């Protein structure tokens, strides 16, 4: 019988993989705390668990008519971002996958008429930077698989997707960590104003004061372990366009028990702005 041994909401923003001098240039001479935060999260939380598999809910991988999970035995290559090729160019990645878990997850939807999950191992399937950018910080000897965010899904669909992940894990011998790779509020500054808002201070650079306040409310609730209150806040939070429809967090939460989950969060690094969006790392034991 497998189990989920840890989970986290983690940021994957491009500055993480930029050279330190550029990170500091963007942030008035200071480094982003998100960089050290991911290294600290790995050292203090992820590495000691000796997990078998890491499951990434990837907010840049949008699907439409089904949930999709990558089932490759191995994914290896060079990644260049179509969004930001100047900063993320020919980044090497080498990921050992977990086809058994991917297919077990897909199998939980067999015979259902309320959700659909497909495991895909096409060697030409694109990979996205919410997965790739985490690797230099968090990758160890674990197997890694990614799942997309279905853009037609509701909060209930994402919660069910996570619930079925937990059911799949329970059927096989795995110690699993679930990473919800994405941000909080997610509206960018207009291009003409972008260069004025590259620093990390959320009070100055989150897209609106209302989005900043909403992000802080969510963070406080997550740290308190009040996931039921976060769920109740989701309709209001949607006004601030949380990344990936907040599907990364909701899928993770579904795997952790949904509304009944009371896992308290430990924050690594500060709450920061990146190009107008809200970002942080929060781990759940």
Protein backbone atom coordinates (compact mmCIF):
# COMPACT_ATOMS: atom_id res chain seq x y z
CA UNK A 1 0.00 0.00 0.00
CA UNK A 2 1.37 3.37 -0.99
CA UNK A 3 0.99 6.71 0.70
CA UNK A 4 1.41 10.44 0.14
CA UNK A 5 4.25 11.49 2.43
CA UNK A 6 4.36 15.23 1.66
CA UNK A 7 3.01 17.94 -0.59
CA UNK A 8 3.73 21.55 -1.50
CA UNK A 9 2.50 24.57 -3.38
CA UNK A 10 5.65 25.74 -5.19
CA UNK A 11 6.51 28.59 -7.50
CA UNK A 12 8.24 27.86 -10.80
CA UNK A 13 8.86 31.44 -12.00
CA UNK A 14 11.58 32.15 -14.61
CA UNK A 15 13.82 34.25 -12.31
CA UNK A 16 14.58 31.06 -10.38
CA UNK A 17 16.76 29.80 -13.22
CA UNK A 18 18.40 33.10 -14.13
CA UNK A 19 21.97 33.87 -13.02
CA UNK A 20 22.24 35.52 -9.61
CA UNK A 21 23.46 38.82 -11.02
CA UNK A 22 20.37 39.10 -13.21
CA UNK A 23 18.06 38.12 -10.33
CA UNK A 24 19.58 40.89 -8.25
CA UNK A 25 19.41 43.38 -11.11
CA UNK A 26 15.68 42.74 -11.41
CA UNK A 27 15.16 43.16 -7.66
CA UNK A 28 17.04 46.35 -6.73
CA UNK A 29 20.18 44.46 -5.73
CA UNK A 30 18.51 41.79 -3.60
CA UNK A 31 18.11 38.16 -4.54
CA UNK A 32 14.66 36.60 -4.67
CA UNK A 33 13.92 34.63 -1.52
CA UNK A 34 12.15 32.07 -3.70
CA UNK A 35 15.55 30.79 -4.89
CA UNK A 36 16.94 29.92 -1.46
CA UNK A 37 13.45 28.87 -0.38
CA UNK A 38 13.32 25.98 -2.84
CA UNK A 39 16.78 24.76 -1.82
CA UNK A 40 15.75 24.95 1.83
CA UNK A 41 12.51 23.07 1.12
CA UNK A 42 14.47 20.28 -0.51
CA UNK A 43 17.00 20.02 2.33
CA UNK A 44 14.57 20.25 5.24
CA UNK A 45 11.45 18.52 3.92
CA UNK A 46 11.72 16.66 0.63
CA UNK A 47 15.09 14.94 0.86
CA UNK A 48 14.58 13.40 4.34
CA UNK A 49 11.37 11.70 3.18
CA UNK A 50 13.19 9.53 0.63
CA UNK A 51 10.11 9.52 -1.58
CA UNK A 52 9.84 7.11 -4.49
CA UNK A 53 7.93 9.44 -6.81
CA UNK A 54 7.23 13.14 -7.19
CA UNK A 55 3.99 14.10 -8.95
CA UNK A 56 3.94 17.61 -10.44
CA UNK A 57 0.66 19.33 -11.25
CA UNK A 58 1.89 21.57 -14.06
CA UNK A 59 -0.06 24.81 -14.57
CA UNK A 60 1.38 25.47 -18.04
CA UNK A 61 0.20 22.13 -19.43
CA UNK A 62 -3.39 22.82 -20.43
CA UNK A 63 -5.63 19.99 -21.55
CA UNK A 64 -9.21 20.27 -22.75
CA UNK A 65 -11.35 17.13 -22.87
CA UNK A 66 -9.60 14.99 -20.25
CA UNK A 67 -6.99 14.97 -17.53
CA UNK A 68 -3.63 13.78 -18.88
CA UNK A 69 -0.65 12.37 -17.02
CA UNK A 70 2.78 11.71 -18.51
CA UNK A 71 3.64 8.00 -18.40
CA UNK A 72 7.10 8.00 -19.98
CA UNK A 73 9.76 5.70 -18.51
CA UNK A 74 12.28 8.45 -19.24
CA UNK A 75 12.14 12.05 -20.46
CA UNK A 76 15.43 13.59 -21.50
CA UNK A 77 16.38 16.53 -23.66
CA UNK A 78 16.91 20.27 -23.85
CA UNK A 79 14.12 22.68 -23.00
CA UNK A 80 13.67 26.14 -24.51
CA UNK A 81 10.63 28.13 -23.46
CA UNK A 82 8.47 29.52 -26.24
CA UNK A 83 7.36 32.17 -23.74
CA UNK A 84 10.77 33.37 -22.57
CA UNK A 85 13.53 31.87 -24.74
CA UNK A 86 15.94 34.63 -23.70
CA UNK A 87 15.93 33.42 -20.11
CA UNK A 88 15.11 29.72 -20.43
CA UNK A 89 17.15 28.35 -23.32
CA UNK A 90 18.42 24.81 -23.97
CA UNK A 91 18.03 23.80 -20.34
CA UNK A 92 18.94 20.11 -19.92
CA UNK A 93 16.49 17.80 -18.17
CA UNK A 94 16.70 14.08 -17.42
CA UNK A 95 13.68 12.61 -15.67
CA UNK A 96 13.05 8.98 -14.75
CA UNK A 97 9.29 8.50 -14.92
CA UNK A 98 6.84 6.23 -13.15
CA UNK A 99 4.63 4.56 -15.77
CA UNK A 100 3.09 2.22 -13.21
CA UNK A 101 1.73 5.09 -11.14
CA UNK A 102 0.62 7.03 -14.22
CA UNK A 103 -1.37 4.08 -15.54
CA UNK A 104 -2.79 3.30 -12.09
CA UNK A 105 -4.01 6.90 -11.88
CA UNK A 106 -5.62 6.69 -15.31
CA UNK A 107 -7.23 3.36 -14.42
CA UNK A 108 -9.12 4.91 -11.52
CA UNK A 109 -11.33 6.70 -14.06
CA UNK A 110 -12.17 3.56 -16.03
CA UNK A 111 -15.90 3.06 -16.19
CA UNK A 112 -16.71 6.50 -14.77
CA UNK A 113 -18.86 9.00 -16.63
CA UNK A 114 -17.92 12.06 -14.55
CA UNK A 115 -14.19 12.27 -15.30
CA UNK A 116 -11.59 11.04 -17.80
CA UNK A 117 -7.87 10.45 -17.25
CA UNK A 118 -5.43 9.36 -19.95
CA UNK A 119 -1.80 8.27 -19.51
CA UNK A 120 0.41 9.37 -22.43
CA UNK A 121 3.98 8.32 -23.22
CA UNK A 122 4.37 9.93 -26.66
CA UNK A 123 8.09 10.82 -26.93
CA UNK A 124 7.18 14.09 -28.67
CA UNK A 125 4.82 15.27 -25.93
CA UNK A 126 5.99 18.77 -24.92
CA UNK A 127 7.31 19.41 -21.44
CA UNK A 128 6.76 22.73 -19.66
CA UNK A 129 8.78 24.88 -17.31
CA UNK A 130 6.60 24.42 -14.20
CA UNK A 131 8.16 20.96 -14.24
CA UNK A 132 11.62 21.71 -15.69
CA UNK A 133 12.39 24.73 -13.50
CA UNK A 134 11.91 22.69 -10.32
CA UNK A 135 14.49 20.08 -11.25
CA UNK A 136 17.72 21.98 -10.33
CA UNK A 137 16.27 22.61 -6.87
CA UNK A 138 14.17 19.57 -5.98
CA UNK A 139 15.21 16.59 -8.10
CA UNK A 140 16.96 13.77 -6.33
CA UNK A 141 16.73 10.03 -6.93
CA UNK A 142 12.93 10.02 -7.10
CA UNK A 143 10.90 9.20 -10.17
CA UNK A 144 9.01 12.22 -11.52
CA UNK A 145 5.74 12.46 -13.44
CA UNK A 146 3.72 15.48 -14.54
CA UNK A 147 -0.01 15.98 -14.97
CA UNK A 148 -1.80 18.76 -16.78
CA UNK A 149 -4.54 21.15 -15.75
CA UNK A 150 -7.79 20.62 -17.66
CA UNK A 151 -8.92 24.07 -18.75
CA UNK A 152 -12.58 22.99 -18.86
CA UNK A 153 -12.47 21.65 -15.31
CA UNK A 154 -14.31 23.00 -12.29
CA UNK A 155 -12.95 23.05 -8.72
CA UNK A 156 -14.88 19.83 -8.14
CA UNK A 157 -13.19 18.23 -11.16
CA UNK A 158 -9.74 19.12 -9.83
CA UNK A 159 -10.56 17.84 -6.36
CA UNK A 160 -11.76 14.56 -7.86
CA UNK A 161 -8.61 14.29 -10.00
CA UNK A 162 -6.55 14.56 -6.82
CA UNK A 163 -8.77 12.13 -4.94
CA UNK A 164 -8.22 9.57 -7.68
CA UNK A 165 -4.47 10.13 -7.46
CA UNK A 166 -4.62 9.19 -3.79
CA UNK A 167 -6.67 6.11 -4.65
CA UNK A 168 -4.11 5.08 -7.27
CA UNK A 169 -1.21 5.55 -4.87
CA UNK A 170 -2.97 3.36 -2.31
CA UNK A 171 -2.96 0.45 -4.76
CA UNK A 172 0.80 0.33 -5.35
CA UNK A 173 3.92 0.41 -3.20
CA UNK A 174 4.93 4.07 -3.45
CA UNK A 175 5.94 6.93 -1.16
CA UNK A 176 4.75 9.97 -3.10
CA UNK A 177 5.19 13.74 -2.85
CA UNK A 178 2.69 15.94 -4.70
CA UNK A 179 3.90 19.33 -5.97
CA UNK A 180 1.34 21.92 -7.04
CA UNK A 181 3.57 23.93 -9.37
CA UNK A 182 2.08 27.36 -9.86
CA UNK A 183 1.35 30.76 -8.40
CA UNK A 184 -1.43 32.55 -6.59
CA UNK A 185 -3.02 35.61 -8.25
CA UNK A 186 -1.82 35.66 -11.83
CA UNK A 187 -2.33 38.87 -13.75
CA UNK A 188 0.64 40.51 -15.47
CA UNK A 189 1.42 44.17 -15.89
CA UNK A 190 0.87 45.56 -19.41
CA UNK A 191 3.97 45.37 -21.59
CA UNK A 192 4.47 49.14 -21.50
CA UNK A 193 4.64 49.04 -17.68
CA UNK A 194 6.35 45.68 -17.19
CA UNK A 195 9.90 47.01 -16.71
CA UNK A 196 8.68 49.20 -13.84
CA UNK A 197 7.42 46.16 -11.92
CA UNK A 198 10.16 43.53 -12.08
CA UNK A 199 11.08 43.70 -8.39
CA UNK A 200 9.70 41.37 -5.72
CA UNK A 201 7.97 43.68 -3.22
CA UNK A 202 4.31 42.56 -3.35
CA UNK A 203 2.97 45.83 -1.98
CA UNK A 204 4.45 47.69 -4.94
CA UNK A 205 4.36 45.13 -7.72
CA UNK A 206 1.40 42.73 -7.39
CA UNK A 207 -1.03 43.69 -10.15
CA UNK A 208 -3.69 45.13 -7.80
CA UNK A 209 -3.90 45.79 -4.05
CA UNK A 210 -6.98 43.58 -3.95
CA UNK A 211 -5.05 40.66 -5.49
CA UNK A 212 -2.26 41.20 -2.96
CA UNK A 213 -4.74 41.09 -0.08
CA UNK A 214 -6.38 37.96 -1.49
CA UNK A 215 -3.01 36.21 -1.85
CA UNK A 216 -2.11 37.02 1.73
CA UNK A 217 -5.45 35.70 2.93
CA UNK A 218 -4.86 32.40 1.12
CA UNK A 219 -1.33 32.11 2.48
CA UNK A 220 -2.50 32.70 6.06
CA UNK A 221 -5.22 30.06 5.67
CA UNK A 222 -2.77 27.55 4.19
CA UNK A 223 -0.29 28.09 7.01
CA UNK A 224 -3.11 27.58 9.52
CA UNK A 225 -4.20 24.37 7.79
CA UNK A 226 -7.68 25.78 7.13
CA UNK A 227 -8.13 24.28 3.68
CA UNK A 228 -11.91 24.28 4.05
CA UNK A 229 -11.79 28.08 4.27
CA UNK A 230 -9.56 28.21 1.20
CA UNK A 231 -12.15 26.16 -0.69
CA UNK A 232 -14.88 28.54 0.43
CA UNK A 233 -12.74 31.46 -0.79
CA UNK A 234 -12.05 29.97 -4.23
CA UNK A 235 -15.03 31.66 -5.99
CA UNK A 236 -13.93 35.07 -4.72
CA UNK A 237 -10.25 34.32 -5.38
CA UNK A 238 -11.16 33.53 -8.99
CA UNK A 239 -11.63 37.28 -9.52
CA UNK A 240 -7.85 37.58 -9.29
CA UNK A 241 -7.15 34.87 -11.89
CA UNK A 242 -5.17 32.35 -9.81
CA UNK A 243 -2.74 30.51 -12.02
CA UNK A 244 -4.13 27.44 -13.74
CA UNK A 245 -7.63 28.14 -12.36
CA UNK A 246 -6.01 27.15 -9.04
CA UNK A 247 -6.22 23.61 -10.39
CA UNK A 248 -2.72 22.79 -9.16
CA UNK A 249 -3.64 23.49 -5.54
CA UNK A 250 -7.10 21.93 -5.82
CA UNK A 251 -5.71 18.71 -7.31
CA UNK A 252 -3.10 18.52 -4.56
CA UNK A 253 -5.79 19.17 -1.96
CA UNK A 254 -8.02 16.47 -3.40
CA UNK A 255 -5.17 14.02 -2.95
CA UNK A 256 -4.78 15.13 0.67
CA UNK A 257 -8.43 14.62 1.58
CA UNK A 258 -10.14 17.72 0.23
CA UNK A 259 -12.19 19.77 2.65
CA UNK A 260 -11.25 17.45 5.52
CA UNK A 261 -7.52 18.21 5.14
CA UNK A 262 -6.04 20.19 8.05
CA UNK A 263 -2.35 19.97 7.17
CA UNK A 264 -0.62 23.17 8.27
CA UNK A 265 1.74 24.82 5.82
CA UNK A 266 5.36 25.79 6.33
CA UNK A 267 6.41 28.73 4.16
CA UNK A 268 9.82 28.74 2.49
CA UNK A 269 10.95 32.13 1.23
CA UNK A 270 8.69 35.15 1.32
CA UNK A 271 5.53 36.05 -0.55
CA UNK A 272 6.83 37.87 -3.61
CA UNK A 273 5.67 39.52 -6.80
CA UNK A 274 6.90 38.36 -10.18
CA UNK A 275 5.76 40.55 -13.10
CA UNK A 276 2.55 41.30 -11.22
CA UNK A 277 1.75 37.76 -10.09
CA UNK A 278 1.77 36.37 -6.54
CA UNK A 279 4.32 33.67 -5.68
CA UNK A 280 5.38 31.61 -2.67
CA UNK A 281 6.42 28.11 -1.56
CA UNK A 282 4.37 26.34 1.13
CA UNK A 283 5.07 22.78 2.28
CA UNK A 284 2.56 20.44 3.95
CA UNK A 285 3.83 17.52 6.06
